[in-house]
Amino acid sequence: MMTRLKPEAFARARHFLKERARPLERAMFEFRFEGARADAVTDKLARFQNKDGGFGHALEPDLRTPSSSALATGIGLRMLHELRCSPEHPMVRKAVHYLLRTCDRRANVWRVAPADSNAYPHAPWWHDEDGSLARTFGGFLIIPRAEIVALLLHFSAIVPHDWLHELAERTVADIEAIDQLGTGGGSDLIYALRLAETEQLPADLKRRLATRIRSVIPAVVSHDAQEWQSYVITPLKVAPSPRSSVADLLQQDVQAHLDYVVEHQTPEGTWDPTWTWGDSYPEVWKQARLEWRGELTLGTLTTLQAYDRIEEQSP
């Protein structure tokens, strides 16, 4: 029998989001669950957008620089996409123009984090020492490029068509060619999935990408519940909703993981990060961790709702 989140457990999560999460996650919760207007979210998201059009200011809590980054701009545009903002929305136009200006046209990639990242508190994996960031992230061929291509395809009305089509082709080819897809916590796989699930991706590229992704899913996703409290590729990470393109490959694992998630809510009503910054910036990590708790709690509630795992309140 499946386990559902009880009304009192949902109420604890709601209370945390209302009282301790960032205003952005609070507004997004109200949009997703309480019928609030989209512009209430964009008002909060606008605080993270710089004059150059990019997003920064720790929108991604592990990267604290106020400067714009491809990483944070991808997150911002993803939210604007969910809010159904058109390509003509001022925040969208500015973000897209930022990405068009900052693309390395020689390599057709975006540096994931800005050059000043080391000057601000950050997670160890965002540190750049003599080009180490590019080496860590495989020349940026997948992270952040795959998601940025997905978003530019969605907002393609304001993007040069021929260049974007060529970029999509190159990105898919690079994902096909990579030796290992789905390493570490699987962020590269998540970025590839976001591109594969983009409606505007041409059908031939979609088929190729789906073939590559589906070929690795059984081997890279953790099927062991004892591992799910660590930073691994969990079933719900790759299939956060029944509409996910690989959900059919993981049906039993997904159901088991949903049970696990419901059972592992904290007494405060949250779901917490499975990673830390180690010894780096311990005081700042406390703030970043709090921000992640809000983001992860919102994301978990959204997934539970998508799978009908939230018990309805009795009349």
C-alpha atoms as a PDB file:
ATOM      1  CA  MET A   1       0.000   0.000   0.000  1.00  0.00           C
ATOM      2  CA  MET A   2       1.402   3.369  -1.006  1.00  0.00           C
ATOM      3  CA  THR A   3       2.277   5.930   1.647  1.00  0.00           C
ATOM      4  CA  ARG A   4       0.767   9.392   1.348  1.00  0.00           C
ATOM      5  CA  LEU A   5       1.817  12.590   3.067  1.00  0.00           C
ATOM      6  CA  LYS A   6      -0.696  13.267   5.840  1.00  0.00           C
ATOM      7  CA  PRO A   7      -2.419  16.660   6.118  1.00  0.00           C
ATOM      8  CA  GLU A   8      -0.538  17.502   9.302  1.00  0.00           C
ATOM      9  CA  ALA A   9       2.773  16.679   7.588  1.00  0.00           C
ATOM     10  CA  PHE A  10       1.852  18.894   4.649  1.00  0.00           C
ATOM     11  CA  ALA A  11       0.933  21.637   7.120  1.00  0.00           C
ATOM     12  CA  ARG A  12       4.403  21.427   8.707  1.00  0.00           C
ATOM     13  CA  ALA A  13       6.043  21.791   5.299  1.00  0.00           C
ATOM     14  CA  ARG A  14       3.762  24.691   4.438  1.00  0.00           C
ATOM     15  CA  HIS A  15       4.572  26.417   7.714  1.00  0.00           C
ATOM     16  CA  PHE A  16       8.298  26.107   7.091  1.00  0.00           C
ATOM     17  CA  LEU A  17       7.972  27.514   3.580  1.00  0.00           C
ATOM     18  CA  LYS A  18       5.817  30.395   4.773  1.00  0.00           C
ATOM     19  CA  GLU A  19       7.969  31.284   7.764  1.00  0.00           C
ATOM     20  CA  ARG A  20      11.585  30.362   6.983  1.00  0.00           C
ATOM     21  CA  ALA A  21      12.070  29.865   3.233  1.00  0.00           C
ATOM     22  CA  ARG A  22      13.176  32.637   0.907  1.00  0.00           C
ATOM     23  CA  PRO A  23      10.395  34.885  -0.395  1.00  0.00           C
ATOM     24  CA  LEU A  24      10.971  33.340  -3.837  1.00  0.00           C
ATOM     25  CA  GLU A  25      10.214  29.775  -2.721  1.00  0.00           C
ATOM     26  CA  ARG A  26       7.312  31.033  -0.617  1.00  0.00           C
ATOM     27  CA  ALA A  27       5.819  32.765  -3.653  1.00  0.00           C
ATOM     28  CA  MET A  28       6.369  29.714  -5.863  1.00  0.00           C
ATOM     29  CA  PHE A  29       4.659  27.511  -3.269  1.00  0.00           C
ATOM     30  CA  GLU A  30       1.685  29.849  -3.263  1.00  0.00           C
ATOM     31  CA  PHE A  31       1.630  29.775  -7.080  1.00  0.00           C
ATOM     32  CA  ARG A  32       1.794  25.979  -7.315  1.00  0.00           C
ATOM     33  CA  PHE A  33      -0.445  25.064  -4.409  1.00  0.00           C
ATOM     34  CA  GLU A  34      -2.641  28.024  -3.538  1.00  0.00           C
ATOM     35  CA  GLY A  35      -3.547  29.602  -6.854  1.00  0.00           C
ATOM     36  CA  ALA A  36      -1.454  32.754  -6.448  1.00  0.00           C
ATOM     37  CA  ARG A  37      -0.697  34.892  -9.468  1.00  0.00           C
ATOM     38  CA  ALA A  38       2.454  34.358 -11.519  1.00  0.00           C
ATOM     39  CA  ASP A  39       3.472  37.997 -11.178  1.00  0.00           C
ATOM     40  CA  ALA A  40       3.835  37.509  -7.424  1.00  0.00           C
ATOM     41  CA  VAL A  41       6.661  35.081  -8.268  1.00  0.00           C
ATOM     42  CA  THR A  42       8.253  37.256 -10.940  1.00  0.00           C
ATOM     43  CA  ASP A  43       8.329  40.155  -8.491  1.00  0.00           C
ATOM     44  CA  LYS A  44      10.475  38.054  -6.142  1.00  0.00           C
ATOM     45  CA  LEU A  45      12.560  36.546  -8.946  1.00  0.00           C
ATOM     46  CA  ALA A  46      13.361  40.013 -10.306  1.00  0.00           C
ATOM     47  CA  ARG A  47      15.496  40.643  -7.222  1.00  0.00           C
ATOM     48  CA  PHE A  48      17.994  38.096  -8.539  1.00  0.00           C
ATOM     49  CA  GLN A  49      18.298  39.621 -12.034  1.00  0.00           C
ATOM     50  CA  ASN A  50      21.138  42.026 -12.782  1.00  0.00           C
ATOM     51  CA  LYS A  51      21.187  45.007 -15.126  1.00  0.00           C
ATOM     52  CA  ASP A  52      23.058  42.910 -17.696  1.00  0.00           C
ATOM     53  CA  GLY A  53      20.033  40.594 -17.890  1.00  0.00           C
ATOM     54  CA  GLY A  54      21.645  37.616 -16.205  1.00  0.00           C
ATOM     55  CA  PHE A  55      20.705  36.183 -12.836  1.00  0.00           C
ATOM     56  CA  GLY A  56      22.962  35.950  -9.796  1.00  0.00           C
ATOM     57  CA  HIS A  57      22.785  36.908  -6.100  1.00  0.00           C
ATOM     58  CA  ALA A  58      22.853  33.281  -4.885  1.00  0.00           C
ATOM     59  CA  LEU A  59      19.777  32.233  -6.827  1.00  0.00           C
ATOM     60  CA  GLU A  60      21.678  28.930  -6.766  1.00  0.00           C
ATOM     61  CA  PRO A  61      22.464  28.861  -3.027  1.00  0.00           C
ATOM     62  CA  ASP A  62      25.855  27.156  -3.406  1.00  0.00           C
ATOM     63  CA  LEU A  63      27.177  30.017  -5.575  1.00  0.00           C
ATOM     64  CA  ARG A  64      27.006  33.286  -3.619  1.00  0.00           C
ATOM     65  CA  THR A  65      28.468  35.788  -6.080  1.00  0.00           C
ATOM     66  CA  PRO A  66      26.082  38.631  -6.981  1.00  0.00           C
ATOM     67  CA  SER A  67      27.402  38.552 -10.552  1.00  0.00           C
ATOM     68  CA  SER A  68      25.398  36.992 -13.351  1.00  0.00           C
ATOM     69  CA  SER A  69      26.134  33.418 -14.348  1.00  0.00           C
ATOM     70  CA  ALA A  70      24.906  30.966 -16.945  1.00  0.00           C
ATOM     71  CA  LEU A  71      24.031  28.637 -14.075  1.00  0.00           C
ATOM     72  CA  ALA A  72      21.751  31.093 -12.303  1.00  0.00           C
ATOM     73  CA  THR A  73      20.334  32.464 -15.554  1.00  0.00           C
ATOM     74  CA  GLY A  74      19.267  28.967 -16.532  1.00  0.00           C
ATOM     75  CA  ILE A  75      17.454  28.626 -13.205  1.00  0.00           C
ATOM     76  CA  GLY A  76      15.759  31.991 -13.641  1.00  0.00           C
ATOM     77  CA  LEU A  77      14.608  31.249 -17.181  1.00  0.00           C
ATOM     78  CA  ARG A  78      13.365  27.809 -16.114  1.00  0.00           C
ATOM     79  CA  MET A  79      11.127  29.503 -13.564  1.00  0.00           C
ATOM     80  CA  LEU A  80       9.913  32.060 -16.099  1.00  0.00           C
ATOM     81  CA  HIS A  81       9.082  29.158 -18.424  1.00  0.00           C
ATOM     82  CA  GLU A  82       7.032  27.484 -15.692  1.00  0.00           C
ATOM     83  CA  LEU A  83       5.238  30.773 -15.078  1.00  0.00           C
ATOM     84  CA  ARG A  84       4.320  30.817 -18.798  1.00  0.00           C
ATOM     85  CA  CYS A  85       6.032  34.091 -19.502  1.00  0.00           C
ATOM     86  CA  SER A  86       6.250  34.887 -23.191  1.00  0.00           C
ATOM     87  CA  PRO A  87       9.479  35.627 -25.081  1.00  0.00           C
ATOM     88  CA  GLU A  88       8.436  39.276 -24.993  1.00  0.00           C
ATOM     89  CA  HIS A  89       8.337  39.417 -21.204  1.00  0.00           C
ATOM     90  CA  PRO A  90      10.997  41.968 -20.156  1.00  0.00           C
ATOM     91  CA  MET A  91      12.722  39.541 -17.770  1.00  0.00           C
ATOM     92  CA  VAL A  92      12.864  36.850 -20.455  1.00  0.00           C
ATOM     93  CA  ARG A  93      14.172  39.199 -23.133  1.00  0.00           C
ATOM     94  CA  LYS A  94      16.924  40.506 -20.867  1.00  0.00           C
ATOM     95  CA  ALA A  95      17.974  37.007 -19.796  1.00  0.00           C
ATOM     96  CA  VAL A  96      18.038  35.655 -23.350  1.00  0.00           C
ATOM     97  CA  HIS A  97      20.038  38.647 -24.572  1.00  0.00           C
ATOM     98  CA  TYR A  98      22.505  38.077 -21.728  1.00  0.00           C
ATOM     99  CA  LEU A  99      22.974  34.466 -22.851  1.00  0.00           C
ATOM    100  CA  LEU A 100      23.397  35.473 -26.484  1.00  0.00           C
ATOM    101  CA  ARG A 101      26.056  38.020 -25.501  1.00  0.00           C
ATOM    102  CA  THR A 102      27.996  35.727 -23.184  1.00  0.00           C
ATOM    103  CA  CYS A 103      28.162  32.561 -25.279  1.00  0.00           C
ATOM    104  CA  ASP A 104      31.708  31.573 -26.235  1.00  0.00           C
ATOM    105  CA  ARG A 105      31.034  31.490 -29.984  1.00  0.00           C
ATOM    106  CA  ARG A 106      34.267  29.667 -30.712  1.00  0.00           C
ATOM    107  CA  ALA A 107      33.385  26.665 -28.532  1.00  0.00           C
ATOM    108  CA  ASN A 108      29.629  27.372 -28.435  1.00  0.00           C
ATOM    109  CA  VAL A 109      29.470  26.914 -24.668  1.00  0.00           C
ATOM    110  CA  TRP A 110      28.817  29.042 -21.596  1.00  0.00           C
ATOM    111  CA  ARG A 111      31.110  29.196 -18.617  1.00  0.00           C
ATOM    112  CA  VAL A 112      28.931  27.839 -15.816  1.00  0.00           C
ATOM    113  CA  ALA A 113      30.028  30.287 -13.099  1.00  0.00           C
ATOM    114  CA  PRO A 114      31.467  33.812 -13.389  1.00  0.00           C
ATOM    115  CA  ALA A 115      35.137  34.637 -13.062  1.00  0.00           C
ATOM    116  CA  ASP A 116      34.651  36.347  -9.699  1.00  0.00           C
ATOM    117  CA  SER A 117      33.133  33.266  -8.004  1.00  0.00           C
ATOM    118  CA  ASN A 118      36.248  32.630  -5.921  1.00  0.00           C
ATOM    119  CA  ALA A 119      35.913  36.077  -4.339  1.00  0.00           C
ATOM    120  CA  TYR A 120      32.624  35.110  -2.680  1.00  0.00           C
ATOM    121  CA  PRO A 121      31.565  32.164  -0.521  1.00  0.00           C
ATOM    122  CA  HIS A 122      30.862  29.094  -2.632  1.00  0.00           C
ATOM    123  CA  ALA A 123      30.679  25.326  -2.524  1.00  0.00           C
ATOM    124  CA  PRO A 124      34.036  23.626  -3.225  1.00  0.00           C
ATOM    125  CA  TRP A 125      32.886  22.332  -6.612  1.00  0.00           C
ATOM    126  CA  TRP A 126      32.393  25.905  -7.855  1.00  0.00           C
ATOM    127  CA  HIS A 127      36.001  26.870  -7.086  1.00  0.00           C
ATOM    128  CA  ASP A 128      38.132  27.629 -10.122  1.00  0.00           C
ATOM    129  CA  GLU A 129      41.889  27.248  -9.956  1.00  0.00           C
ATOM    130  CA  ASP A 130      43.765  27.676 -13.246  1.00  0.00           C
ATOM    131  CA  GLY A 131      40.870  26.387 -15.341  1.00  0.00           C
ATOM    132  CA  SER A 132      39.846  23.586 -12.974  1.00  0.00           C
ATOM    133  CA  LEU A 133      36.160  24.497 -13.319  1.00  0.00           C
ATOM    134  CA  ALA A 134      36.190  23.742 -17.056  1.00  0.00           C
ATOM    135  CA  ARG A 135      37.918  20.429 -16.384  1.00  0.00           C
ATOM    136  CA  THR A 136      35.456  19.517 -13.634  1.00  0.00           C
ATOM    137  CA  PHE A 137      32.508  20.248 -15.885  1.00  0.00           C
ATOM    138  CA  GLY A 138      33.824  18.685 -19.083  1.00  0.00           C
ATOM    139  CA  GLY A 139      34.419  21.907 -20.946  1.00  0.00           C
ATOM    140  CA  PHE A 140      30.820  22.989 -20.183  1.00  0.00           C
ATOM    141  CA  LEU A 141      29.542  20.811 -23.040  1.00  0.00           C
ATOM    142  CA  ILE A 142      26.548  19.584 -21.009  1.00  0.00           C
ATOM    143  CA  ILE A 143      26.453  21.746 -17.870  1.00  0.00           C
ATOM    144  CA  PRO A 144      25.140  24.390 -18.336  1.00  0.00           C
ATOM    145  CA  ARG A 145      24.738  24.184 -22.128  1.00  0.00           C
ATOM    146  CA  ALA A 146      22.067  21.466 -22.392  1.00  0.00           C
ATOM    147  CA  GLU A 147      19.571  23.334 -20.240  1.00  0.00           C
ATOM    148  CA  ILE A 148      20.351  26.673 -21.842  1.00  0.00           C
ATOM    149  CA  VAL A 149      19.701  25.187 -25.291  1.00  0.00           C
ATOM    150  CA  ALA A 150      16.412  23.779 -23.995  1.00  0.00           C
ATOM    151  CA  LEU A 151      15.350  27.189 -22.731  1.00  0.00           C
ATOM    152  CA  LEU A 152      16.457  29.016 -25.861  1.00  0.00           C
ATOM    153  CA  LEU A 153      14.404  26.556 -27.912  1.00  0.00           C
ATOM    154  CA  HIS A 154      11.376  27.383 -25.792  1.00  0.00           C
ATOM    155  CA  PHE A 155      11.977  31.125 -26.246  1.00  0.00           C
ATOM    156  CA  SER A 156      13.196  30.705 -29.834  1.00  0.00           C
ATOM    157  CA  ALA A 157      11.131  33.599 -31.178  1.00  0.00           C
ATOM    158  CA  ILE A 158      13.918  35.937 -30.018  1.00  0.00           C
ATOM    159  CA  VAL A 159      16.890  33.678 -30.831  1.00  0.00           C
ATOM    160  CA  PRO A 160      18.703  33.366 -34.219  1.00  0.00           C
ATOM    161  CA  HIS A 161      17.199  30.217 -35.736  1.00  0.00           C
ATOM    162  CA  ASP A 162      20.104  28.756 -37.717  1.00  0.00           C
ATOM    163  CA  TRP A 163      22.582  29.242 -34.892  1.00  0.00           C
ATOM    164  CA  LEU A 164      20.225  27.672 -32.367  1.00  0.00           C
ATOM    165  CA  HIS A 165      19.538  24.634 -34.579  1.00  0.00           C
ATOM    166  CA  GLU A 166      23.266  24.071 -35.061  1.00  0.00           C
ATOM    167  CA  LEU A 167      23.856  24.471 -31.327  1.00  0.00           C
ATOM    168  CA  ALA A 168      21.144  21.926 -30.507  1.00  0.00           C
ATOM    169  CA  GLU A 169      22.682  19.452 -32.966  1.00  0.00           C
ATOM    170  CA  ARG A 170      26.156  19.901 -31.464  1.00  0.00           C
ATOM    171  CA  THR A 171      24.860  19.536 -27.914  1.00  0.00           C
ATOM    172  CA  VAL A 172      23.068  16.281 -28.676  1.00  0.00           C
ATOM    173  CA  ALA A 173      26.131  14.945 -30.481  1.00  0.00           C
ATOM    174  CA  ASP A 174      28.320  15.774 -27.482  1.00  0.00           C
ATOM    175  CA  ILE A 175      25.928  14.020 -25.112  1.00  0.00           C
ATOM    176  CA  GLU A 176      25.988  10.970 -27.385  1.00  0.00           C
ATOM    177  CA  ALA A 177      29.783  11.010 -27.455  1.00  0.00           C
ATOM    178  CA  ILE A 178      30.545  11.431 -23.757  1.00  0.00           C
ATOM    179  CA  ASP A 179      32.129   8.335 -22.224  1.00  0.00           C
ATOM    180  CA  GLN A 180      30.028   8.396 -19.056  1.00  0.00           C
ATOM    181  CA  LEU A 181      26.659  10.076 -18.632  1.00  0.00           C
ATOM    182  CA  GLY A 182      25.273  10.199 -15.124  1.00  0.00           C
ATOM    183  CA  THR A 183      28.347  10.522 -12.937  1.00  0.00           C
ATOM    184  CA  GLY A 184      28.479  11.685  -9.334  1.00  0.00           C
ATOM    185  CA  GLY A 185      25.115  13.077  -8.368  1.00  0.00           C
ATOM    186  CA  GLY A 186      23.967  13.015 -11.976  1.00  0.00           C
ATOM    187  CA  SER A 187      23.619  16.704 -12.742  1.00  0.00           C
ATOM    188  CA  ASP A 188      24.827  16.079 -16.303  1.00  0.00           C
ATOM    189  CA  LEU A 189      22.032  13.539 -16.742  1.00  0.00           C
ATOM    190  CA  ILE A 190      19.438  15.975 -15.381  1.00  0.00           C
ATOM    191  CA  TYR A 191      20.584  18.671 -17.811  1.00  0.00           C
ATOM    192  CA  ALA A 192      20.438  16.192 -20.690  1.00  0.00           C
ATOM    193  CA  LEU A 193      16.934  15.148 -19.647  1.00  0.00           C
ATOM    194  CA  ARG A 194      15.745  18.751 -19.619  1.00  0.00           C
ATOM    195  CA  LEU A 195      16.866  19.089 -23.210  1.00  0.00           C
ATOM    196  CA  ALA A 196      15.382  15.726 -24.224  1.00  0.00           C
ATOM    197  CA  GLU A 197      12.011  16.676 -22.725  1.00  0.00           C
ATOM    198  CA  THR A 198      11.856  20.038 -24.491  1.00  0.00           C
ATOM    199  CA  GLU A 199       8.868  20.115 -26.817  1.00  0.00           C
ATOM    200  CA  GLN A 200      10.644  22.341 -29.338  1.00  0.00           C
ATOM    201  CA  LEU A 201      13.659  20.042 -29.790  1.00  0.00           C
ATOM    202  CA  PRO A 202      13.507  18.649 -33.366  1.00  0.00           C
ATOM    203  CA  ALA A 203      12.121  15.101 -33.483  1.00  0.00           C
ATOM    204  CA  ASP A 204      15.290  13.495 -34.836  1.00  0.00           C
ATOM    205  CA  LEU A 205      17.413  15.031 -32.103  1.00  0.00           C
ATOM    206  CA  LYS A 206      14.821  14.065 -29.510  1.00  0.00           C
ATOM    207  CA  ARG A 207      14.967  10.415 -30.619  1.00  0.00           C
ATOM    208  CA  ARG A 208      18.762  10.338 -30.541  1.00  0.00           C
ATOM    209  CA  LEU A 209      18.938  11.936 -27.132  1.00  0.00           C
ATOM    210  CA  ALA A 210      16.244   9.677 -25.683  1.00  0.00           C
ATOM    211  CA  THR A 211      18.125   6.612 -26.909  1.00  0.00           C
ATOM    212  CA  ARG A 212      21.329   7.764 -25.214  1.00  0.00           C
ATOM    213  CA  ILE A 213      19.658   8.686 -21.932  1.00  0.00           C
ATOM    214  CA  ARG A 214      17.489   5.578 -21.673  1.00  0.00           C
ATOM    215  CA  SER A 215      20.519   3.360 -22.303  1.00  0.00           C
ATOM    216  CA  VAL A 216      22.224   4.564 -19.114  1.00  0.00           C
ATOM    217  CA  ILE A 217      19.289   4.974 -16.724  1.00  0.00           C
ATOM    218  CA  PRO A 218      19.140   1.405 -15.334  1.00  0.00           C
ATOM    219  CA  ALA A 219      22.845   1.383 -14.485  1.00  0.00           C
ATOM    220  CA  VAL A 220      23.313   4.865 -13.021  1.00  0.00           C
ATOM    221  CA  VAL A 221      20.162   5.314 -10.927  1.00  0.00           C
ATOM    222  CA  SER A 222      20.503   4.084  -7.351  1.00  0.00           C
ATOM    223  CA  HIS A 223      18.069   1.280  -6.533  1.00  0.00           C
ATOM    224  CA  ASP A 224      19.249   0.989  -2.922  1.00  0.00           C
ATOM    225  CA  ALA A 225      17.226   2.925  -0.342  1.00  0.00           C
ATOM    226  CA  GLN A 226      20.226   2.948   1.992  1.00  0.00           C
ATOM    227  CA  GLU A 227      22.031   5.181  -0.523  1.00  0.00           C
ATOM    228  CA  TRP A 228      19.240   7.696  -0.997  1.00  0.00           C
ATOM    229  CA  GLN A 229      20.303   9.847   1.942  1.00  0.00           C
ATOM    230  CA  SER A 230      23.611  10.515   0.190  1.00  0.00           C
ATOM    231  CA  TYR A 231      24.317  12.455  -2.994  1.00  0.00           C
ATOM    232  CA  VAL A 232      23.384   9.847  -5.593  1.00  0.00           C
ATOM    233  CA  ILE A 233      21.105   9.674  -8.623  1.00  0.00           C
ATOM    234  CA  THR A 234      17.801   8.781  -7.028  1.00  0.00           C
ATOM    235  CA  PRO A 235      14.744   7.601  -8.977  1.00  0.00           C
ATOM    236  CA  LEU A 236      12.825  10.817  -8.325  1.00  0.00           C
ATOM    237  CA  LYS A 237      15.772  12.966  -9.360  1.00  0.00           C
ATOM    238  CA  VAL A 238      15.398  11.723 -12.939  1.00  0.00           C
ATOM    239  CA  ALA A 239      11.627  11.126 -12.825  1.00  0.00           C
ATOM    240  CA  PRO A 240      10.175  13.919 -10.655  1.00  0.00           C
ATOM    241  CA  SER A 241       6.732  13.474 -12.215  1.00  0.00           C
ATOM    242  CA  PRO A 242       4.799  10.708 -13.987  1.00  0.00           C
ATOM    243  CA  ARG A 243       5.268  12.707 -17.206  1.00  0.00           C
ATOM    244  CA  SER A 244       9.044  12.311 -17.034  1.00  0.00           C
ATOM    245  CA  SER A 245      10.387  10.611 -20.130  1.00  0.00           C
ATOM    246  CA  VAL A 246      12.165   7.852 -18.172  1.00  0.00           C
ATOM    247  CA  ALA A 247       9.498   7.200 -15.528  1.00  0.00           C
ATOM    248  CA  ASP A 248       8.454   4.002 -17.299  1.00  0.00           C
ATOM    249  CA  LEU A 249      11.933   2.531 -16.771  1.00  0.00           C
ATOM    250  CA  LEU A 250      11.793   3.045 -13.011  1.00  0.00           C
ATOM    251  CA  GLN A 251       8.230   2.322 -11.968  1.00  0.00           C
ATOM    252  CA  GLN A 252       8.970   0.137  -8.934  1.00  0.00           C
ATOM    253  CA  ASP A 253      11.943   2.240  -7.859  1.00  0.00           C
ATOM    254  CA  VAL A 254       9.906   5.432  -8.144  1.00  0.00           C
ATOM    255  CA  GLN A 255       7.119   4.042  -5.970  1.00  0.00           C
ATOM    256  CA  ALA A 256       9.625   2.848  -3.371  1.00  0.00           C
ATOM    257  CA  HIS A 257      11.350   6.214  -3.406  1.00  0.00           C
ATOM    258  CA  LEU A 258       8.057   8.052  -2.956  1.00  0.00           C
ATOM    259  CA  ASP A 259       7.357   5.938   0.142  1.00  0.00           C
ATOM    260  CA  TYR A 260      10.869   6.702   1.379  1.00  0.00           C
ATOM    261  CA  VAL A 261      10.468  10.439   0.856  1.00  0.00           C
ATOM    262  CA  VAL A 262       7.187  10.592   2.748  1.00  0.00           C
ATOM    263  CA  GLU A 263       8.717   8.640   5.613  1.00  0.00           C
ATOM    264  CA  HIS A 264      11.865  10.793   5.804  1.00  0.00           C
ATOM    265  CA  GLN A 265      10.361  14.244   6.251  1.00  0.00           C
ATOM    266  CA  THR A 266      12.062  16.019   9.159  1.00  0.00           C
ATOM    267  CA  PRO A 267      10.116  17.005  12.286  1.00  0.00           C
ATOM    268  CA  GLU A 268      10.222  20.618  11.046  1.00  0.00           C
ATOM    269  CA  GLY A 269       8.415  19.538   7.892  1.00  0.00           C
ATOM    270  CA  THR A 270      11.391  19.837   5.553  1.00  0.00           C
ATOM    271  CA  TRP A 271      13.520  17.749   3.258  1.00  0.00           C
ATOM    272  CA  ASP A 272      17.165  18.664   3.602  1.00  0.00           C
ATOM    273  CA  PRO A 273      20.237  18.677   1.325  1.00  0.00           C
ATOM    274  CA  THR A 274      22.253  15.466   1.188  1.00  0.00           C
ATOM    275  CA  TRP A 275      25.499  17.413   0.679  1.00  0.00           C
ATOM    276  CA  THR A 276      27.569  19.961   2.610  1.00  0.00           C
ATOM    277  CA  TRP A 277      30.404  22.382   1.902  1.00  0.00           C
ATOM    278  CA  GLY A 278      32.727  20.472   4.214  1.00  0.00           C
ATOM    279  CA  ASP A 279      34.990  22.945   6.005  1.00  0.00           C
ATOM    280  CA  SER A 280      34.387  25.766   3.513  1.00  0.00           C
ATOM    281  CA  TYR A 281      32.678  28.926   4.818  1.00  0.00           C
ATOM    282  CA  PRO A 282      30.853  27.198   7.734  1.00  0.00           C
ATOM    283  CA  GLU A 283      28.818  30.265   8.708  1.00  0.00           C
ATOM    284  CA  VAL A 284      27.702  30.980   5.158  1.00  0.00           C
ATOM    285  CA  TRP A 285      26.847  27.300   4.640  1.00  0.00           C
ATOM    286  CA  LYS A 286      24.260  27.634   7.421  1.00  0.00           C
ATOM    287  CA  GLN A 287      22.443  30.250   5.342  1.00  0.00           C
ATOM    288  CA  ALA A 288      22.856  28.325   2.102  1.00  0.00           C
ATOM    289  CA  ARG A 289      21.584  25.165   3.785  1.00  0.00           C
ATOM    290  CA  LEU A 290      18.488  27.002   5.011  1.00  0.00           C
ATOM    291  CA  GLU A 291      17.828  28.233   1.476  1.00  0.00           C
ATOM    292  CA  TRP A 292      18.271  24.716   0.110  1.00  0.00           C
ATOM    293  CA  ARG A 293      15.854  23.373   2.711  1.00  0.00           C
ATOM    294  CA  GLY A 294      13.199  25.697   1.344  1.00  0.00           C
ATOM    295  CA  GLU A 295      13.948  24.830  -2.269  1.00  0.00           C
ATOM    296  CA  LEU A 296      14.092  21.076  -1.656  1.00  0.00           C
ATOM    297  CA  THR A 297      10.933  21.105   0.451  1.00  0.00           C
ATOM    298  CA  LEU A 298       9.062  22.930  -2.308  1.00  0.00           C
ATOM    299  CA  GLY A 299      10.417  20.522  -4.921  1.00  0.00           C
ATOM    300  CA  THR A 300       9.512  17.464  -2.860  1.00  0.00           C
ATOM    301  CA  LEU A 301       5.955  18.659  -2.280  1.00  0.00           C
ATOM    302  CA  THR A 302       5.649  19.313  -6.017  1.00  0.00           C
ATOM    303  CA  THR A 303       6.805  15.778  -6.813  1.00  0.00           C
ATOM    304  CA  LEU A 304       4.499  14.218  -4.215  1.00  0.00           C
ATOM    305  CA  GLN A 305       1.590  16.172  -5.676  1.00  0.00           C
ATOM    306  CA  ALA A 306       2.476  15.055  -9.203  1.00  0.00           C
ATOM    307  CA  TYR A 307       2.355  11.410  -8.117  1.00  0.00           C
ATOM    308  CA  ASP A 308      -0.846  11.886  -6.059  1.00  0.00           C
ATOM    309  CA  ARG A 309       1.005  11.197  -2.824  1.00  0.00           C
ATOM    310  CA  ILE A 310      -0.489  14.038  -0.763  1.00  0.00           C
ATOM    311  CA  GLU A 311      -3.523  13.028   1.247  1.00  0.00           C
ATOM    312  CA  GLU A 312      -6.406  15.446   0.927  1.00  0.00           C
ATOM    313  CA  GLN A 313      -7.602  17.349   3.967  1.00  0.00           C
ATOM    314  CA  SER A 314     -10.878  15.985   5.313  1.00  0.00           C
ATOM    315  CA  PRO A 315     -13.829  18.399   4.925  1.00  0.00           C
END
